[in-house]
Amino acid sequence: MSGRSCTSVSKPILDDFSSLGCHDGFLEVRNGYDYEEVHDVNFQTCFTKAYTGSFYGSIKPDNWFKAFSELISEGMLPLYSVVRIVGNYYNLNVPQSILANVVLLKPVPHEEALRISIMETDVLVMVHPLGRKGVYSGKLFDYLATNKPILALCDTDDVIAELLKYTGAGFVACESDIGDIKRAIIKCYLLWKNKEVLPRDWDRISKNSRRSQTQILIDYLSAQNILM
């Protein structure tokens, strides 16, 4: 292939570049995860959801907290259910009714955050506001190979939802729809209650490792005679 090529982390972004008509080749290379997949699963004594990282800008937990507090007050979740927020730097608007359920943990190294995700959590939550098309978020790849269900509050017609459906690694709810979020939380709760594990497609997940994604780039560069 002659001419210039463009590389990006998701196909929708590449499609935007393609519409400009200024390149000849386009290649999707995702960020990926860089640790060994964890197939063993442990269940917490209390139903525990966790979010790692900071909330900032339009990334806010408000709708998640509202849905969670309503489920608690409606008796749909145990009163002792827990939310762990790991490493957030900013003030959070936690409803009074769930103050005792929300545990704030200080920032920790990446390896410790992964350990908490794998060993001290039943559900891994990501919040991705509407309007940010084509962005996976590195958090998704960090979560992907833990064998814990992912609860993604996001655009249900975008790349995060597509990847979770493709891999079978979790549930998606519209980030702005409280009812949708509540239904997804209940699905996660029932997995914990029944000590069930989602039947992930590990072959598909492995394609999202950093090693596999780097190999895509190496193969592409080799085919273009760019690598010596």
Protein backbone atom coordinates (compact mmCIF):
# COMPACT_ATOMS: atom_id res chain seq x y z
CA MET A 1 0.00 0.00 0.00
CA SER A 2 1.39 3.38 -0.97
CA GLY A 3 0.82 6.78 0.55
CA ARG A 4 0.23 7.66 4.14
CA SER A 5 -1.45 5.49 6.79
CA CYS A 6 -3.40 6.36 9.92
CA THR A 7 -3.51 4.40 13.17
CA SER A 8 -6.02 4.92 15.98
CA VAL A 9 -7.45 3.09 19.00
CA SER A 10 -10.96 2.55 17.62
CA LYS A 11 -12.76 2.11 14.32
CA PRO A 12 -15.20 5.06 14.72
CA ILE A 13 -12.24 7.42 15.08
CA LEU A 14 -10.64 5.89 11.98
CA ASP A 15 -13.93 6.31 10.13
CA ASP A 16 -13.82 10.02 10.95
CA PHE A 17 -10.29 10.26 9.53
CA SER A 18 -11.37 8.29 6.47
CA SER A 19 -14.18 10.74 5.77
CA LEU A 20 -11.54 13.45 5.38
CA GLY A 21 -10.00 11.48 2.53
CA CYS A 22 -6.44 12.37 3.48
CA HIS A 23 -4.95 8.90 4.02
CA ASP A 24 -4.65 5.67 2.08
CA GLY A 25 -4.54 3.12 4.93
CA PHE A 26 -6.26 2.80 8.29
CA LEU A 27 -5.43 0.49 11.17
CA GLU A 28 -7.14 -0.01 14.54
CA VAL A 29 -4.73 -0.79 17.40
CA ARG A 30 -6.33 -0.74 20.86
CA ASN A 31 -4.60 -0.03 24.16
CA GLY A 32 -5.14 -3.52 25.57
CA TYR A 33 -4.32 -5.04 28.97
CA ASP A 34 -0.82 -6.14 29.96
CA TYR A 35 -1.34 -8.79 32.66
CA GLU A 36 -2.16 -12.49 32.57
CA GLU A 37 -5.87 -13.34 32.44
CA VAL A 38 -7.35 -14.36 35.79
CA HIS A 39 -9.74 -17.32 35.51
CA ASP A 40 -10.24 -18.00 39.23
CA VAL A 41 -13.16 -16.19 40.87
CA ASN A 42 -13.76 -15.32 44.50
CA PHE A 43 -17.00 -13.87 45.88
CA GLN A 44 -17.06 -11.23 48.61
CA THR A 45 -19.06 -11.67 51.82
CA CYS A 46 -20.95 -8.50 50.93
CA PHE A 47 -22.12 -7.70 47.39
CA THR A 48 -19.34 -5.34 46.32
CA LYS A 49 -19.02 -3.07 43.30
CA ALA A 50 -15.88 -1.06 42.61
CA TYR A 51 -14.69 1.78 40.44
CA THR A 52 -10.98 2.51 40.05
CA GLY A 53 -9.74 5.97 39.15
CA SER A 54 -11.06 9.50 39.35
CA PHE A 55 -14.37 11.05 38.39
CA TYR A 56 -13.78 14.28 36.49
CA GLY A 57 -15.46 16.55 33.97
CA SER A 58 -18.59 14.84 32.66
CA ILE A 59 -17.55 11.47 34.14
CA LYS A 60 -19.68 11.42 37.29
CA PRO A 61 -21.15 8.64 39.45
CA ASP A 62 -24.37 10.55 40.18
CA ASN A 63 -26.75 8.33 38.17
CA TRP A 64 -25.04 5.16 39.39
CA PHE A 65 -25.36 6.33 43.00
CA LYS A 66 -29.00 7.28 42.47
CA ALA A 67 -29.84 3.89 40.99
CA PHE A 68 -27.96 2.11 43.77
CA SER A 69 -29.67 4.12 46.52
CA GLU A 70 -33.11 3.44 45.03
CA LEU A 71 -32.43 -0.30 44.90
CA ILE A 72 -31.34 -0.25 48.54
CA SER A 73 -34.42 1.70 49.65
CA GLU A 74 -36.71 -0.58 47.62
CA GLY A 75 -35.24 -3.65 49.27
CA MET A 76 -33.93 -4.99 45.97
CA LEU A 77 -30.35 -5.09 47.26
CA PRO A 78 -29.05 -6.10 50.70
CA LEU A 79 -28.55 -3.20 53.09
CA TYR A 80 -24.91 -4.24 53.49
CA SER A 81 -24.08 -3.90 49.78
CA VAL A 82 -20.83 -2.01 49.22
CA VAL A 83 -19.43 0.43 46.67
CA ARG A 84 -15.65 0.91 46.64
CA ILE A 85 -14.19 3.96 44.92
CA VAL A 86 -10.44 3.49 44.50
CA GLY A 87 -8.24 6.52 43.85
CA ASN A 88 -10.70 9.32 43.22
CA TYR A 89 -9.26 12.81 43.78
CA TYR A 90 -12.44 14.86 43.67
CA ASN A 91 -15.43 15.44 45.95
CA LEU A 92 -18.37 13.14 45.29
CA ASN A 93 -22.06 13.82 45.77
CA VAL A 94 -22.99 10.67 47.67
CA PRO A 95 -26.69 10.46 48.64
CA GLN A 96 -27.23 10.48 52.39
CA SER A 97 -29.06 7.15 52.22
CA ILE A 98 -25.95 5.28 51.00
CA LEU A 99 -23.16 7.15 52.82
CA ALA A 100 -22.49 4.05 54.91
CA ASN A 101 -22.32 1.87 51.80
CA VAL A 102 -19.74 3.90 49.88
CA VAL A 103 -16.10 3.34 50.81
CA LEU A 104 -13.49 5.77 49.50
CA LEU A 105 -9.97 4.37 49.13
CA LYS A 106 -6.91 6.50 48.50
CA PRO A 107 -4.99 6.34 45.20
CA VAL A 108 -2.83 3.23 44.88
CA PRO A 109 -0.29 1.97 42.31
CA HIS A 110 -1.73 0.31 39.22
CA GLU A 111 -0.73 -3.16 40.40
CA GLU A 112 -2.59 -2.67 43.70
CA ALA A 113 -5.66 -1.39 41.88
CA LEU A 114 -5.64 -4.56 39.80
CA ARG A 115 -5.31 -6.68 42.94
CA ILE A 116 -8.33 -4.95 44.47
CA SER A 117 -10.27 -5.46 41.23
CA ILE A 118 -9.44 -9.16 41.18
CA MET A 119 -9.55 -10.06 44.87
CA GLU A 120 -11.87 -7.62 46.65
CA THR A 121 -14.65 -6.97 44.17
CA ASP A 122 -17.70 -8.69 42.68
CA VAL A 123 -18.49 -6.15 39.96
CA LEU A 124 -16.24 -3.67 38.17
CA VAL A 125 -17.95 -0.42 37.19
CA MET A 126 -17.03 2.02 34.48
CA VAL A 127 -18.84 5.29 33.78
CA HIS A 128 -18.53 6.71 30.29
CA PRO A 129 -20.75 9.73 29.55
CA LEU A 130 -22.81 9.98 26.40
CA GLY A 131 -21.36 11.97 23.52
CA ARG A 132 -17.81 10.54 23.58
CA LYS A 133 -18.10 8.26 20.55
CA GLY A 134 -15.39 5.76 19.69
CA VAL A 135 -13.54 5.90 23.03
CA TYR A 136 -12.97 2.62 24.87
CA SER A 137 -11.20 3.96 27.99
CA GLY A 138 -8.15 2.15 29.32
CA LYS A 139 -10.24 1.16 32.34
CA LEU A 140 -12.24 -1.25 30.19
CA PHE A 141 -9.11 -3.18 29.21
CA ASP A 142 -7.88 -3.21 32.81
CA TYR A 143 -11.19 -4.81 33.80
CA LEU A 144 -11.58 -7.14 30.85
CA ALA A 145 -9.43 -10.10 31.90
CA THR A 146 -10.23 -10.19 35.64
CA ASN A 147 -13.15 -12.64 35.23
CA LYS A 148 -15.33 -10.22 37.19
CA PRO A 149 -18.49 -8.91 35.51
CA ILE A 150 -18.13 -5.41 34.12
CA LEU A 151 -20.99 -2.95 34.58
CA ALA A 152 -20.57 -0.29 31.91
CA LEU A 153 -22.70 2.84 32.15
CA CYS A 154 -22.22 4.27 28.69
CA ASP A 155 -23.67 4.79 25.23
CA THR A 156 -25.32 1.44 24.48
CA ASP A 157 -24.68 1.97 20.76
CA ASP A 158 -20.93 2.54 20.87
CA VAL A 159 -17.64 0.65 21.09
CA ILE A 160 -17.74 -0.20 24.82
CA ALA A 161 -21.10 -1.92 24.46
CA GLU A 162 -19.95 -3.69 21.31
CA LEU A 163 -16.82 -5.05 22.99
CA LEU A 164 -18.70 -6.31 26.04
CA LYS A 165 -21.23 -8.04 23.83
CA TYR A 166 -18.43 -9.53 21.70
CA THR A 167 -16.54 -10.90 24.71
CA GLY A 168 -19.47 -11.65 27.03
CA ALA A 169 -17.61 -9.87 29.82
CA GLY A 170 -20.39 -7.81 31.37
CA PHE A 171 -23.52 -5.72 31.19
CA VAL A 172 -24.29 -2.35 29.63
CA ALA A 173 -26.75 0.32 30.73
CA CYS A 174 -27.43 3.74 29.27
CA GLU A 175 -25.48 6.17 31.45
CA SER A 176 -28.42 8.60 31.66
CA ASP A 177 -31.19 6.03 32.27
CA ILE A 178 -31.70 5.28 35.99
CA GLY A 179 -34.10 2.40 35.29
CA ASP A 180 -31.66 0.81 32.85
CA ILE A 181 -28.83 1.12 35.39
CA LYS A 182 -30.98 -0.48 38.11
CA ARG A 183 -31.78 -3.45 35.88
CA ALA A 184 -28.11 -3.96 35.09
CA ILE A 185 -27.12 -3.76 38.77
CA ILE A 186 -29.69 -6.44 39.60
CA LYS A 187 -28.20 -8.74 36.94
CA CYS A 188 -24.83 -8.31 38.63
CA TYR A 189 -26.34 -8.87 42.06
CA LEU A 190 -27.97 -12.14 40.99
CA LEU A 191 -24.63 -13.42 39.72
CA TRP A 192 -23.14 -12.73 43.15
CA LYS A 193 -26.13 -14.14 45.03
CA ASN A 194 -26.09 -17.39 43.04
CA LYS A 195 -22.28 -17.59 42.95
CA GLU A 196 -22.33 -17.66 39.15
CA VAL A 197 -19.63 -16.59 36.72
CA LEU A 198 -20.28 -15.03 33.32
CA PRO A 199 -19.23 -17.38 30.48
CA ARG A 200 -16.62 -15.07 29.00
CA ASP A 201 -15.18 -15.81 25.58
CA TRP A 202 -11.51 -15.98 26.54
CA ASP A 203 -10.31 -16.37 22.96
CA ARG A 204 -11.95 -13.08 22.06
CA ILE A 205 -10.72 -11.43 25.24
CA SER A 206 -7.13 -12.48 24.52
CA LYS A 207 -7.25 -10.51 21.26
CA ASN A 208 -7.44 -7.40 23.44
CA SER A 209 -4.20 -8.01 25.30
CA ARG A 210 -1.50 -5.45 24.69
CA ARG A 211 0.69 -8.20 23.26
CA SER A 212 -1.94 -9.13 20.66
CA GLN A 213 -2.64 -5.51 19.76
CA THR A 214 1.08 -4.77 19.41
CA GLN A 215 1.41 -7.77 17.12
CA ILE A 216 -1.28 -6.28 14.86
CA LEU A 217 0.88 -3.18 14.45
CA ILE A 218 4.08 -5.21 13.92
CA ASP A 219 2.41 -7.35 11.24
CA TYR A 220 1.05 -4.27 9.51
CA LEU A 221 4.40 -2.50 9.49
CA SER A 222 6.11 -5.64 8.23
CA ALA A 223 3.61 -5.96 5.39
CA GLN A 224 4.33 -2.38 4.39
CA ASN A 225 8.10 -3.03 4.44
CA ILE A 226 8.43 -0.40 7.15
CA LEU A 227 10.21 -2.72 9.56
CA MET A 228 13.75 -3.80 8.66
